[in-house]
C-alpha cells in the first residue's frame, strides 16, 4: 500500500525534467496531485502564483506540506530520502552514494545539451541545433561506454548494484532524443539499459518514449 502523502507536482506533460519526477513517483509507489502548467507556449511558470513558489520560473516544482522544491534532481533525492527509508533508490553505501550523485550532476550538466536540442526541435527554441546535437551525442557516448563497461562485471545500472535515482535522471534525455534525430541503434548498451528501466515496477511512460522491443 502506498504511504499516505500529500504531494503536489506542478508539471508540463512534455517536459523531460517533470518526467524524471513522475518516474520517481511511480518507482516509489507514491500518490501525487499533478497540476498541469502551460509551459509552452504560455510560460505560465514565470507568472504568479507559480513564480512565488519558484523565483527561477522553471519546472517542475514539488510541494510536500511546507517543503517546496525545484530542480528535478534535487526532487529525486528528496523523494528517495523521504519516502524510501531502505535506501534502495539513494544508496547509503558511500561508493554507490557518490556514484549516484556523480550521475545526477551529469544529468544536470552534460545532458543539458540534449534537453536544449529537443526543445529547439519541438518548440522552436533558439539555439545552435547542430552544436547541441553534437554535445548530446558526446554525452550519450560517455553513458554508452559506462553502461557497457558495467555490463562486463554483471552490473546493469549506472550506480550501485541496482536501479537508483541516477537511472531515473538519465533515462529521459536518451529515451526522448529521437525527437531531435538521434538514432538509438548507435547505442546498443543504452538500448538494453532502457529496456531494463521500462521494466521497473511502477514505470510511467510519456509521449515520445520508445518501446525498445
N, C-alpha and C. Protein backbone atom coordinates (compact mmCIF):
# COMPACT_ATOMS: atom_id res chain seq x y z
N UNK A 1 0.85 -1.19 0.00
CA UNK A 1 0.00 0.00 0.00
C UNK A 1 0.89 1.24 0.00
N UNK A 2 0.52 2.26 -0.78
CA UNK A 2 1.31 3.47 -0.87
C UNK A 2 1.27 4.23 0.44
N UNK A 3 2.40 4.89 0.81
CA UNK A 3 2.40 5.71 2.01
C UNK A 3 1.40 6.85 1.85
N UNK A 4 0.83 7.29 2.99
CA UNK A 4 -0.07 8.43 2.97
C UNK A 4 0.76 9.70 2.78
N UNK A 5 0.58 10.36 1.65
CA UNK A 5 1.37 11.55 1.34
C UNK A 5 0.45 12.62 0.82
N UNK A 6 0.94 13.85 0.83
CA UNK A 6 0.17 14.97 0.30
C UNK A 6 1.08 15.75 -0.65
N UNK A 7 1.48 15.10 -1.69
CA UNK A 7 2.40 15.70 -2.65
C UNK A 7 1.63 16.41 -3.76
N UNK A 8 2.19 17.54 -4.21
CA UNK A 8 1.64 18.24 -5.35
C UNK A 8 2.78 18.56 -6.31
N UNK A 9 2.61 18.18 -7.57
CA UNK A 9 3.63 18.39 -8.59
C UNK A 9 3.10 19.34 -9.65
N UNK A 10 3.79 20.47 -9.83
CA UNK A 10 3.48 21.40 -10.91
C UNK A 10 4.34 20.98 -12.11
N UNK A 11 3.68 20.67 -13.23
CA UNK A 11 4.37 19.94 -14.28
C UNK A 11 3.79 20.28 -15.64
N UNK A 12 4.61 20.04 -16.67
CA UNK A 12 4.18 20.13 -18.08
C UNK A 12 4.44 18.76 -18.69
N UNK A 13 3.42 18.18 -19.31
CA UNK A 13 3.48 16.77 -19.71
C UNK A 13 4.68 16.45 -20.60
N UNK A 14 5.07 17.37 -21.48
CA UNK A 14 6.12 17.08 -22.45
C UNK A 14 7.51 17.50 -21.97
N UNK A 15 7.60 17.94 -20.73
CA UNK A 15 8.89 18.37 -20.18
C UNK A 15 9.63 17.16 -19.60
N UNK A 16 10.85 16.93 -20.09
CA UNK A 16 11.59 15.76 -19.63
C UNK A 16 11.99 15.85 -18.17
N UNK A 17 12.14 17.05 -17.63
CA UNK A 17 12.51 17.17 -16.22
C UNK A 17 11.35 16.78 -15.32
N UNK A 18 10.15 17.19 -15.69
CA UNK A 18 8.98 16.72 -14.95
C UNK A 18 8.82 15.23 -15.06
N UNK A 19 9.17 14.68 -16.22
CA UNK A 19 9.07 13.23 -16.41
C UNK A 19 9.98 12.48 -15.45
N UNK A 20 11.16 13.02 -15.15
CA UNK A 20 12.05 12.40 -14.17
C UNK A 20 11.33 12.22 -12.83
N UNK A 21 10.61 13.26 -12.43
CA UNK A 21 9.90 13.21 -11.15
C UNK A 21 8.76 12.21 -11.22
N UNK A 22 8.05 12.18 -12.34
CA UNK A 22 6.97 11.21 -12.49
C UNK A 22 7.49 9.79 -12.44
N UNK A 23 8.67 9.56 -13.02
CA UNK A 23 9.30 8.24 -12.93
C UNK A 23 9.57 7.87 -11.48
N UNK A 24 10.09 8.81 -10.70
CA UNK A 24 10.39 8.54 -9.30
C UNK A 24 9.13 8.28 -8.49
N UNK A 25 8.10 9.04 -8.75
CA UNK A 25 6.83 8.82 -8.04
C UNK A 25 6.31 7.42 -8.32
N UNK A 26 6.40 6.99 -9.57
CA UNK A 26 5.95 5.65 -9.91
C UNK A 26 6.81 4.57 -9.27
N UNK A 27 8.13 4.77 -9.30
CA UNK A 27 9.03 3.78 -8.72
C UNK A 27 8.82 3.63 -7.23
N UNK A 28 8.49 4.74 -6.56
CA UNK A 28 8.29 4.72 -5.12
C UNK A 28 6.84 4.39 -4.73
N UNK A 29 5.97 4.27 -5.72
CA UNK A 29 4.58 3.96 -5.45
C UNK A 29 3.85 5.07 -4.72
N UNK A 30 4.19 6.32 -5.05
CA UNK A 30 3.62 7.46 -4.34
C UNK A 30 2.47 8.08 -5.12
N UNK A 31 1.40 8.38 -4.41
CA UNK A 31 0.33 9.16 -5.00
C UNK A 31 0.72 10.63 -5.01
N UNK A 32 0.19 11.37 -5.96
CA UNK A 32 0.57 12.77 -6.10
C UNK A 32 -0.50 13.52 -6.88
N UNK A 33 -0.85 14.69 -6.40
CA UNK A 33 -1.70 15.59 -7.17
C UNK A 33 -0.84 16.30 -8.21
N UNK A 34 -1.21 16.21 -9.47
CA UNK A 34 -0.46 16.86 -10.53
C UNK A 34 -1.22 18.08 -11.03
N UNK A 35 -0.54 19.21 -11.06
CA UNK A 35 -1.12 20.45 -11.56
C UNK A 35 -0.48 20.73 -12.92
N UNK A 36 -1.29 20.66 -13.98
CA UNK A 36 -0.78 20.90 -15.33
C UNK A 36 -0.50 22.38 -15.52
N UNK A 37 0.71 22.68 -16.03
CA UNK A 37 1.15 24.05 -16.23
C UNK A 37 1.34 24.28 -17.73
N UNK A 38 0.86 25.40 -18.22
CA UNK A 38 1.02 25.76 -19.63
C UNK A 38 2.42 26.37 -19.82
N UNK A 39 3.41 25.48 -19.95
CA UNK A 39 4.79 25.95 -20.11
C UNK A 39 5.04 26.42 -21.53
N UNK A 40 4.52 25.66 -22.51
CA UNK A 40 4.68 26.01 -23.92
C UNK A 40 3.29 25.99 -24.57
N UNK A 41 2.84 27.15 -25.11
CA UNK A 41 3.59 28.40 -25.26
C UNK A 41 3.37 29.41 -24.15
N UNK A 42 2.55 29.06 -23.15
CA UNK A 42 2.08 30.09 -22.23
C UNK A 42 3.06 30.62 -21.22
N UNK A 43 4.17 29.86 -20.95
CA UNK A 43 5.16 30.27 -19.93
C UNK A 43 4.49 30.61 -18.61
N UNK A 44 3.48 29.82 -18.25
CA UNK A 44 2.72 30.08 -17.04
C UNK A 44 3.58 30.03 -15.79
N UNK A 45 4.67 29.25 -15.84
CA UNK A 45 5.53 29.09 -14.67
C UNK A 45 6.30 30.36 -14.33
N UNK A 46 6.30 31.33 -15.23
CA UNK A 46 7.05 32.57 -14.99
C UNK A 46 6.18 33.66 -14.38
N UNK A 47 4.92 33.35 -14.11
CA UNK A 47 3.99 34.35 -13.56
C UNK A 47 3.41 33.85 -12.24
N UNK A 48 2.86 34.79 -11.48
CA UNK A 48 2.17 34.44 -10.23
C UNK A 48 0.98 33.54 -10.57
N UNK A 49 0.70 32.54 -9.73
CA UNK A 49 1.32 32.28 -8.42
C UNK A 49 2.56 31.39 -8.45
N UNK A 50 2.90 30.81 -9.63
CA UNK A 50 4.00 29.85 -9.66
C UNK A 50 5.34 30.52 -9.42
N UNK A 51 5.50 31.75 -9.88
CA UNK A 51 6.78 32.43 -9.66
C UNK A 51 7.02 32.67 -8.18
N UNK A 52 5.95 32.67 -7.39
CA UNK A 52 6.11 32.80 -5.94
C UNK A 52 6.63 31.51 -5.32
N UNK A 53 6.33 30.38 -5.95
CA UNK A 53 6.85 29.10 -5.48
C UNK A 53 8.28 28.88 -5.94
N UNK A 54 8.58 29.32 -7.15
CA UNK A 54 9.92 29.14 -7.71
C UNK A 54 10.33 30.42 -8.42
N UNK A 55 11.16 31.23 -7.78
CA UNK A 55 11.54 32.51 -8.39
C UNK A 55 12.37 32.37 -9.66
N UNK A 56 12.87 31.16 -9.97
CA UNK A 56 13.61 30.94 -11.21
C UNK A 56 12.69 30.79 -12.41
N UNK A 57 11.40 30.57 -12.16
CA UNK A 57 10.46 30.44 -13.25
C UNK A 57 10.63 29.19 -14.07
N UNK A 58 11.01 28.09 -13.42
CA UNK A 58 11.23 26.82 -14.12
C UNK A 58 10.33 25.73 -13.54
N UNK A 59 10.23 24.65 -14.27
CA UNK A 59 9.52 23.46 -13.84
C UNK A 59 10.49 22.29 -13.82
N UNK A 60 10.18 21.26 -13.03
CA UNK A 60 9.00 21.06 -12.19
C UNK A 60 9.16 21.73 -10.83
N UNK A 61 8.04 21.79 -10.12
CA UNK A 61 8.01 22.25 -8.73
C UNK A 61 7.26 21.20 -7.93
N UNK A 62 7.84 20.78 -6.81
CA UNK A 62 7.19 19.81 -5.93
C UNK A 62 6.89 20.47 -4.59
N UNK A 63 5.66 20.29 -4.14
CA UNK A 63 5.25 20.78 -2.82
C UNK A 63 4.87 19.57 -1.98
N UNK A 64 5.49 19.45 -0.82
CA UNK A 64 5.20 18.37 0.12
C UNK A 64 4.99 19.00 1.49
N UNK A 65 3.72 19.30 1.81
CA UNK A 65 3.45 20.03 3.04
C UNK A 65 4.06 21.42 2.97
N UNK A 66 4.95 21.72 3.92
CA UNK A 66 5.62 23.01 3.94
C UNK A 66 6.91 23.05 3.14
N UNK A 67 7.28 21.96 2.49
CA UNK A 67 8.51 21.89 1.72
C UNK A 67 8.21 22.16 0.25
N UNK A 68 8.93 23.13 -0.32
CA UNK A 68 8.79 23.46 -1.74
C UNK A 68 10.15 23.29 -2.39
N UNK A 69 10.19 22.45 -3.44
CA UNK A 69 11.46 22.14 -4.10
C UNK A 69 11.37 22.38 -5.60
N UNK A 70 12.47 22.84 -6.17
CA UNK A 70 12.63 22.94 -7.61
C UNK A 70 13.86 22.13 -8.00
N UNK A 71 14.09 21.97 -9.30
CA UNK A 71 15.19 21.20 -9.89
C UNK A 71 14.91 19.70 -9.74
N UNK A 72 14.78 19.04 -10.88
CA UNK A 72 14.35 17.64 -10.89
C UNK A 72 15.26 16.74 -10.08
N UNK A 73 16.58 16.91 -10.21
CA UNK A 73 17.49 16.02 -9.49
C UNK A 73 17.40 16.19 -7.99
N UNK A 74 17.22 17.42 -7.54
CA UNK A 74 17.03 17.66 -6.11
C UNK A 74 15.74 17.02 -5.62
N UNK A 75 14.70 17.10 -6.44
CA UNK A 75 13.43 16.48 -6.07
C UNK A 75 13.57 14.96 -5.99
N UNK A 76 14.30 14.36 -6.93
CA UNK A 76 14.52 12.91 -6.88
C UNK A 76 15.22 12.52 -5.59
N UNK A 77 16.26 13.27 -5.22
CA UNK A 77 16.99 12.96 -4.00
C UNK A 77 16.10 13.10 -2.78
N UNK A 78 15.29 14.14 -2.76
CA UNK A 78 14.37 14.35 -1.64
C UNK A 78 13.38 13.21 -1.52
N UNK A 79 12.74 12.85 -2.63
CA UNK A 79 11.75 11.77 -2.58
C UNK A 79 12.37 10.46 -2.12
N UNK A 80 13.59 10.17 -2.61
CA UNK A 80 14.24 8.93 -2.21
C UNK A 80 14.58 8.94 -0.72
N UNK A 81 15.10 10.05 -0.22
CA UNK A 81 15.46 10.10 1.19
C UNK A 81 14.21 10.13 2.08
N UNK A 82 13.17 10.81 1.62
CA UNK A 82 11.97 10.98 2.44
C UNK A 82 11.08 9.74 2.43
N UNK A 83 10.96 9.06 1.28
CA UNK A 83 9.97 8.01 1.15
C UNK A 83 10.54 6.63 0.85
N UNK A 84 11.85 6.51 0.90
CA UNK A 84 12.49 5.20 0.68
C UNK A 84 13.50 4.96 1.80
N UNK A 85 13.02 4.70 3.02
CA UNK A 85 13.94 4.56 4.16
C UNK A 85 14.92 3.41 4.01
N UNK A 86 14.63 2.43 3.15
CA UNK A 86 15.56 1.32 2.93
C UNK A 86 16.79 1.76 2.15
N UNK A 87 16.75 2.93 1.53
CA UNK A 87 17.91 3.41 0.79
C UNK A 87 18.13 2.69 -0.53
N UNK A 88 17.06 2.16 -1.11
CA UNK A 88 17.19 1.45 -2.38
C UNK A 88 17.54 2.41 -3.51
N UNK A 89 16.85 3.53 -3.58
CA UNK A 89 16.99 4.45 -4.70
C UNK A 89 18.08 5.49 -4.50
N UNK A 90 18.45 5.76 -3.27
CA UNK A 90 19.59 6.63 -2.96
C UNK A 90 20.47 5.85 -1.98
N UNK A 91 21.40 5.06 -2.49
CA UNK A 91 22.13 4.11 -1.65
C UNK A 91 22.87 4.78 -0.50
N UNK A 92 22.94 4.06 0.62
CA UNK A 92 23.67 4.54 1.78
C UNK A 92 25.16 4.23 1.69
N UNK A 93 25.51 3.15 1.03
CA UNK A 93 26.92 2.75 0.91
C UNK A 93 27.70 3.87 0.21
N UNK A 94 28.83 4.31 0.79
CA UNK A 94 29.49 5.53 0.30
C UNK A 94 29.82 5.54 -1.18
N UNK A 95 30.38 4.45 -1.71
CA UNK A 95 30.77 4.46 -3.12
C UNK A 95 29.55 4.58 -4.02
N UNK A 96 28.52 3.80 -3.73
CA UNK A 96 27.30 3.85 -4.55
C UNK A 96 26.60 5.20 -4.40
N UNK A 97 26.64 5.76 -3.19
CA UNK A 97 26.07 7.09 -2.96
C UNK A 97 26.79 8.13 -3.81
N UNK A 98 28.13 8.09 -3.79
CA UNK A 98 28.91 9.03 -4.57
C UNK A 98 28.69 8.87 -6.06
N UNK A 99 28.61 7.62 -6.54
CA UNK A 99 28.36 7.37 -7.95
C UNK A 99 26.99 7.90 -8.37
N UNK A 100 26.00 7.72 -7.50
CA UNK A 100 24.66 8.22 -7.80
C UNK A 100 24.67 9.73 -7.95
N UNK A 101 25.31 10.43 -7.01
CA UNK A 101 25.38 11.88 -7.10
C UNK A 101 26.19 12.33 -8.32
N UNK A 102 27.23 11.58 -8.67
CA UNK A 102 28.02 11.92 -9.85
C UNK A 102 27.16 11.91 -11.11
N UNK A 103 26.31 10.89 -11.25
CA UNK A 103 25.46 10.81 -12.43
C UNK A 103 24.30 11.79 -12.37
N UNK A 104 23.86 12.15 -11.17
CA UNK A 104 22.86 13.22 -11.07
C UNK A 104 23.44 14.53 -11.59
N UNK A 105 24.71 14.81 -11.25
CA UNK A 105 25.37 16.01 -11.76
C UNK A 105 25.51 15.95 -13.27
N UNK A 106 25.83 14.78 -13.79
CA UNK A 106 25.95 14.59 -15.24
C UNK A 106 24.62 14.90 -15.92
N UNK A 107 23.52 14.48 -15.29
CA UNK A 107 22.20 14.71 -15.87
C UNK A 107 21.89 16.19 -15.96
N UNK A 108 22.35 16.97 -14.99
CA UNK A 108 22.06 18.40 -15.00
C UNK A 108 23.02 19.17 -15.89
N UNK A 109 24.22 18.65 -16.10
CA UNK A 109 25.26 19.41 -16.80
C UNK A 109 25.44 18.90 -18.23
N UNK A 110 26.07 17.76 -18.43
CA UNK A 110 26.36 17.27 -19.78
C UNK A 110 25.09 16.98 -20.58
N UNK A 111 24.04 16.49 -19.92
CA UNK A 111 22.82 16.16 -20.65
C UNK A 111 21.92 17.36 -20.90
N UNK A 112 22.31 18.52 -20.39
CA UNK A 112 21.50 19.72 -20.63
C UNK A 112 21.44 20.03 -22.12
N UNK A 113 22.52 19.72 -22.85
CA UNK A 113 22.52 19.96 -24.29
C UNK A 113 21.42 19.15 -24.98
N UNK A 114 21.20 17.92 -24.52
CA UNK A 114 20.14 17.09 -25.10
C UNK A 114 18.78 17.72 -24.84
N UNK A 115 18.59 18.24 -23.65
CA UNK A 115 17.33 18.90 -23.33
C UNK A 115 17.10 20.11 -24.21
N UNK A 116 18.14 20.92 -24.40
CA UNK A 116 18.01 22.12 -25.22
C UNK A 116 17.79 21.75 -26.69
N UNK A 117 18.47 20.70 -27.17
CA UNK A 117 18.29 20.27 -28.56
C UNK A 117 16.86 19.81 -28.81
N UNK A 118 16.30 19.09 -27.85
CA UNK A 118 14.92 18.63 -28.01
C UNK A 118 13.95 19.80 -28.00
N UNK A 119 14.18 20.76 -27.11
CA UNK A 119 13.28 21.91 -27.06
C UNK A 119 13.37 22.74 -28.33
N UNK A 120 14.59 22.86 -28.86
CA UNK A 120 14.74 23.59 -30.12
C UNK A 120 13.99 22.90 -31.24
N UNK A 121 14.03 21.56 -31.27
CA UNK A 121 13.38 20.80 -32.33
C UNK A 121 11.85 20.81 -32.19
N UNK A 122 11.36 20.69 -30.96
CA UNK A 122 9.92 20.56 -30.74
C UNK A 122 9.21 21.90 -30.63
N UNK A 123 9.88 22.86 -29.99
CA UNK A 123 9.19 24.10 -29.62
C UNK A 123 9.79 25.34 -30.26
N UNK A 124 10.70 25.15 -31.24
CA UNK A 124 11.33 26.28 -31.93
C UNK A 124 12.07 27.21 -30.98
N UNK A 125 12.68 26.62 -29.93
CA UNK A 125 13.50 27.43 -29.04
C UNK A 125 14.80 27.80 -29.77
N UNK A 126 15.34 28.95 -29.40
CA UNK A 126 16.58 29.39 -30.01
C UNK A 126 17.74 28.51 -29.57
N UNK A 127 18.73 28.38 -30.43
CA UNK A 127 19.91 27.60 -30.09
C UNK A 127 20.53 27.02 -31.35
N UNK A 128 21.83 26.74 -31.28
CA UNK A 128 22.53 26.12 -32.40
C UNK A 128 22.23 24.62 -32.35
N UNK A 129 21.27 24.20 -33.17
CA UNK A 129 20.81 22.81 -33.11
C UNK A 129 21.91 21.81 -33.37
N UNK A 130 22.79 22.09 -34.33
CA UNK A 130 23.85 21.14 -34.66
C UNK A 130 24.85 21.02 -33.51
N UNK A 131 25.22 22.14 -32.92
CA UNK A 131 26.16 22.10 -31.79
C UNK A 131 25.54 21.36 -30.61
N UNK A 132 24.27 21.63 -30.33
CA UNK A 132 23.60 20.95 -29.22
C UNK A 132 23.51 19.44 -29.48
N UNK A 133 23.21 19.08 -30.72
CA UNK A 133 23.12 17.66 -31.06
C UNK A 133 24.47 16.98 -30.89
N UNK A 134 25.53 17.62 -31.33
CA UNK A 134 26.87 17.04 -31.18
C UNK A 134 27.25 16.87 -29.72
N UNK A 135 26.92 17.86 -28.90
CA UNK A 135 27.21 17.76 -27.46
C UNK A 135 26.37 16.66 -26.81
N UNK A 136 25.14 16.52 -27.26
CA UNK A 136 24.29 15.44 -26.74
C UNK A 136 24.87 14.08 -27.12
N UNK A 137 25.31 13.94 -28.37
CA UNK A 137 25.91 12.68 -28.80
C UNK A 137 27.15 12.35 -27.97
N UNK A 138 27.96 13.35 -27.66
CA UNK A 138 29.15 13.12 -26.85
C UNK A 138 28.76 12.63 -25.46
N UNK A 139 27.71 13.22 -24.89
CA UNK A 139 27.25 12.79 -23.57
C UNK A 139 26.71 11.36 -23.62
N UNK A 140 25.96 11.03 -24.67
CA UNK A 140 25.43 9.67 -24.80
C UNK A 140 26.56 8.66 -24.99
N UNK A 141 27.64 9.07 -25.64
CA UNK A 141 28.77 8.15 -25.82
C UNK A 141 29.42 7.84 -24.48
N UNK A 142 29.53 8.86 -23.61
CA UNK A 142 30.06 8.61 -22.27
C UNK A 142 29.16 7.62 -21.53
N UNK A 143 27.85 7.82 -21.62
CA UNK A 143 26.91 6.92 -20.98
C UNK A 143 27.01 5.51 -21.56
N UNK A 144 27.08 5.42 -22.88
CA UNK A 144 27.18 4.12 -23.55
C UNK A 144 28.41 3.36 -23.08
N UNK A 145 29.55 4.03 -23.08
CA UNK A 145 30.79 3.37 -22.67
C UNK A 145 30.71 2.89 -21.22
N UNK A 146 30.10 3.71 -20.37
CA UNK A 146 30.00 3.36 -18.96
C UNK A 146 29.10 2.14 -18.75
N UNK A 147 27.92 2.14 -19.38
CA UNK A 147 26.98 1.05 -19.12
C UNK A 147 27.48 -0.25 -19.74
N UNK A 148 28.20 -0.17 -20.87
CA UNK A 148 28.79 -1.37 -21.46
C UNK A 148 29.87 -1.92 -20.54
N UNK A 149 30.72 -1.05 -20.03
CA UNK A 149 31.76 -1.49 -19.11
C UNK A 149 31.17 -2.10 -17.85
N UNK A 150 30.12 -1.51 -17.34
CA UNK A 150 29.45 -2.08 -16.16
C UNK A 150 28.93 -3.48 -16.46
N UNK A 151 28.45 -3.66 -17.68
CA UNK A 151 27.91 -4.96 -18.05
C UNK A 151 28.92 -6.07 -18.01
N UNK A 152 30.20 -5.76 -18.25
CA UNK A 152 31.24 -6.78 -18.21
C UNK A 152 31.38 -7.40 -16.82
N UNK A 153 31.01 -6.63 -15.79
CA UNK A 153 31.08 -7.15 -14.42
C UNK A 153 29.72 -7.60 -13.90
N UNK A 154 28.74 -7.65 -14.80
CA UNK A 154 27.42 -8.13 -14.42
C UNK A 154 26.49 -7.08 -13.85
N UNK A 155 26.91 -5.81 -13.88
CA UNK A 155 26.06 -4.73 -13.36
C UNK A 155 25.25 -4.14 -14.50
N UNK A 156 23.96 -3.92 -14.26
CA UNK A 156 23.09 -3.43 -15.33
C UNK A 156 22.62 -2.01 -15.15
N UNK A 157 23.14 -1.33 -14.09
CA UNK A 157 22.65 0.00 -13.77
C UNK A 157 23.83 0.98 -13.64
N UNK A 158 23.53 2.26 -13.60
CA UNK A 158 24.60 3.26 -13.66
C UNK A 158 25.38 3.38 -12.36
N UNK A 159 24.77 3.08 -11.23
CA UNK A 159 25.46 3.21 -9.95
C UNK A 159 24.98 2.11 -9.01
N UNK A 160 25.88 1.61 -8.18
CA UNK A 160 25.49 0.61 -7.22
C UNK A 160 25.14 -0.72 -7.89
N UNK A 161 24.42 -1.54 -7.15
CA UNK A 161 24.09 -2.89 -7.63
C UNK A 161 22.70 -3.00 -8.23
N UNK A 162 21.90 -1.96 -8.06
CA UNK A 162 20.53 -1.99 -8.58
C UNK A 162 20.15 -0.62 -9.10
N UNK A 163 18.91 -0.47 -9.53
CA UNK A 163 18.48 0.82 -10.05
C UNK A 163 18.48 1.88 -8.94
N UNK A 164 18.88 3.08 -9.31
CA UNK A 164 18.90 4.22 -8.39
C UNK A 164 18.25 5.42 -9.07
N UNK A 165 18.17 6.51 -8.33
CA UNK A 165 17.62 7.73 -8.94
C UNK A 165 18.53 8.25 -10.05
N UNK A 166 19.79 7.79 -10.09
CA UNK A 166 20.66 8.15 -11.21
C UNK A 166 20.06 7.65 -12.52
N UNK A 167 19.58 6.42 -12.54
CA UNK A 167 18.98 5.86 -13.76
C UNK A 167 17.73 6.64 -14.16
N UNK A 168 16.94 7.05 -13.16
CA UNK A 168 15.72 7.81 -13.45
C UNK A 168 16.06 9.19 -14.01
N UNK A 169 17.15 9.78 -13.54
CA UNK A 169 17.55 11.10 -14.01
C UNK A 169 18.14 11.06 -15.41
N UNK A 170 18.80 9.96 -15.76
CA UNK A 170 19.47 9.85 -17.05
C UNK A 170 18.53 9.38 -18.17
N UNK A 171 17.55 8.59 -17.83
CA UNK A 171 16.72 7.93 -18.84
C UNK A 171 16.00 8.89 -19.79
N UNK A 172 15.33 9.94 -19.31
CA UNK A 172 14.54 10.76 -20.24
C UNK A 172 15.34 11.39 -21.37
N UNK A 173 16.53 11.91 -21.08
CA UNK A 173 17.30 12.59 -22.12
C UNK A 173 17.60 11.64 -23.27
N UNK A 174 18.01 10.42 -22.96
CA UNK A 174 18.30 9.47 -24.03
C UNK A 174 17.02 8.98 -24.69
N UNK A 175 16.05 8.58 -23.91
CA UNK A 175 14.82 8.00 -24.48
C UNK A 175 14.10 8.97 -25.39
N UNK A 176 14.17 10.27 -25.09
CA UNK A 176 13.46 11.27 -25.88
C UNK A 176 14.31 11.88 -26.98
N UNK A 177 15.54 11.42 -27.13
CA UNK A 177 16.46 12.07 -28.07
C UNK A 177 16.12 11.81 -29.53
N UNK A 178 15.26 10.84 -29.80
CA UNK A 178 14.81 10.66 -31.19
C UNK A 178 14.00 11.86 -31.65
N UNK A 179 13.48 12.65 -30.70
CA UNK A 179 12.74 13.85 -31.06
C UNK A 179 13.61 14.85 -31.81
N UNK A 180 14.94 14.77 -31.63
CA UNK A 180 15.81 15.68 -32.38
C UNK A 180 16.81 14.91 -33.24
N UNK A 181 16.42 13.68 -33.65
CA UNK A 181 17.13 12.99 -34.70
C UNK A 181 18.23 12.04 -34.30
N UNK A 182 18.33 11.65 -33.03
CA UNK A 182 19.35 10.71 -32.60
C UNK A 182 18.90 9.28 -32.92
N UNK A 183 19.77 8.53 -33.59
CA UNK A 183 19.49 7.13 -33.92
C UNK A 183 19.94 6.25 -32.76
N UNK A 184 18.98 5.64 -32.09
CA UNK A 184 19.29 4.82 -30.91
C UNK A 184 20.02 3.53 -31.25
N UNK A 185 19.98 3.13 -32.52
CA UNK A 185 20.70 1.91 -32.91
C UNK A 185 22.20 2.06 -32.69
N UNK A 186 22.68 3.29 -32.61
CA UNK A 186 24.11 3.53 -32.41
C UNK A 186 24.54 3.31 -30.95
N UNK A 187 23.58 3.05 -30.07
CA UNK A 187 23.87 2.92 -28.64
C UNK A 187 23.23 1.63 -28.10
N UNK A 188 23.77 0.47 -28.47
CA UNK A 188 23.14 -0.79 -28.05
C UNK A 188 23.12 -0.98 -26.54
N UNK A 189 24.17 -0.52 -25.86
CA UNK A 189 24.20 -0.66 -24.41
C UNK A 189 23.10 0.15 -23.75
N UNK A 190 22.89 1.36 -24.23
CA UNK A 190 21.83 2.20 -23.68
C UNK A 190 20.45 1.68 -24.05
N UNK A 191 20.32 1.05 -25.19
CA UNK A 191 19.04 0.44 -25.53
C UNK A 191 18.71 -0.70 -24.56
N UNK A 192 19.70 -1.54 -24.25
CA UNK A 192 19.45 -2.64 -23.29
C UNK A 192 19.11 -2.08 -21.92
N UNK A 193 19.85 -1.06 -21.50
CA UNK A 193 19.57 -0.42 -20.21
C UNK A 193 18.18 0.20 -20.20
N UNK A 194 17.78 0.82 -21.32
CA UNK A 194 16.46 1.45 -21.41
C UNK A 194 15.35 0.42 -21.27
N UNK A 195 15.56 -0.78 -21.83
CA UNK A 195 14.57 -1.84 -21.64
C UNK A 195 14.45 -2.21 -20.17
N UNK A 196 15.58 -2.23 -19.46
CA UNK A 196 15.52 -2.53 -18.02
C UNK A 196 14.76 -1.44 -17.28
N UNK A 197 14.98 -0.19 -17.63
CA UNK A 197 14.25 0.91 -16.98
C UNK A 197 12.76 0.76 -17.24
N UNK A 198 12.40 0.46 -18.47
CA UNK A 198 10.98 0.30 -18.80
C UNK A 198 10.35 -0.86 -18.02
N UNK A 199 11.15 -1.83 -17.62
CA UNK A 199 10.63 -2.98 -16.89
C UNK A 199 10.54 -2.77 -15.38
N UNK A 200 10.92 -1.60 -14.89
CA UNK A 200 10.85 -1.35 -13.46
C UNK A 200 9.40 -1.28 -12.98
N UNK A 201 9.12 -1.82 -11.79
CA UNK A 201 7.77 -1.68 -11.24
C UNK A 201 7.40 -0.20 -11.11
N UNK A 202 6.19 0.11 -11.51
CA UNK A 202 5.72 1.49 -11.41
C UNK A 202 6.17 2.39 -12.54
N UNK A 203 6.82 1.82 -13.57
CA UNK A 203 7.30 2.64 -14.68
C UNK A 203 6.14 3.40 -15.33
N UNK A 204 6.41 4.67 -15.64
CA UNK A 204 5.43 5.51 -16.33
C UNK A 204 6.04 6.00 -17.64
N UNK A 205 5.25 5.98 -18.68
CA UNK A 205 5.74 6.45 -19.97
C UNK A 205 5.23 7.85 -20.24
N UNK A 206 5.63 8.42 -21.37
CA UNK A 206 5.13 9.71 -21.82
C UNK A 206 5.26 9.74 -23.34
N UNK A 207 4.60 10.69 -24.02
CA UNK A 207 4.74 10.76 -25.47
C UNK A 207 6.19 10.86 -25.91
N UNK A 208 6.57 10.01 -26.87
CA UNK A 208 7.92 10.04 -27.40
C UNK A 208 8.85 8.98 -26.85
N UNK A 209 8.43 8.24 -25.82
CA UNK A 209 9.28 7.20 -25.23
C UNK A 209 9.14 5.92 -26.03
N UNK A 210 10.25 5.40 -26.61
CA UNK A 210 10.17 4.17 -27.41
C UNK A 210 9.88 2.95 -26.55
N UNK A 211 9.42 1.89 -27.20
CA UNK A 211 9.16 0.63 -26.51
C UNK A 211 10.43 -0.21 -26.32
N UNK A 212 11.44 -0.04 -27.19
CA UNK A 212 12.68 -0.81 -27.13
C UNK A 212 12.41 -2.31 -27.13
N UNK A 213 11.72 -2.78 -28.14
CA UNK A 213 11.45 -4.22 -28.27
C UNK A 213 12.78 -4.96 -28.48
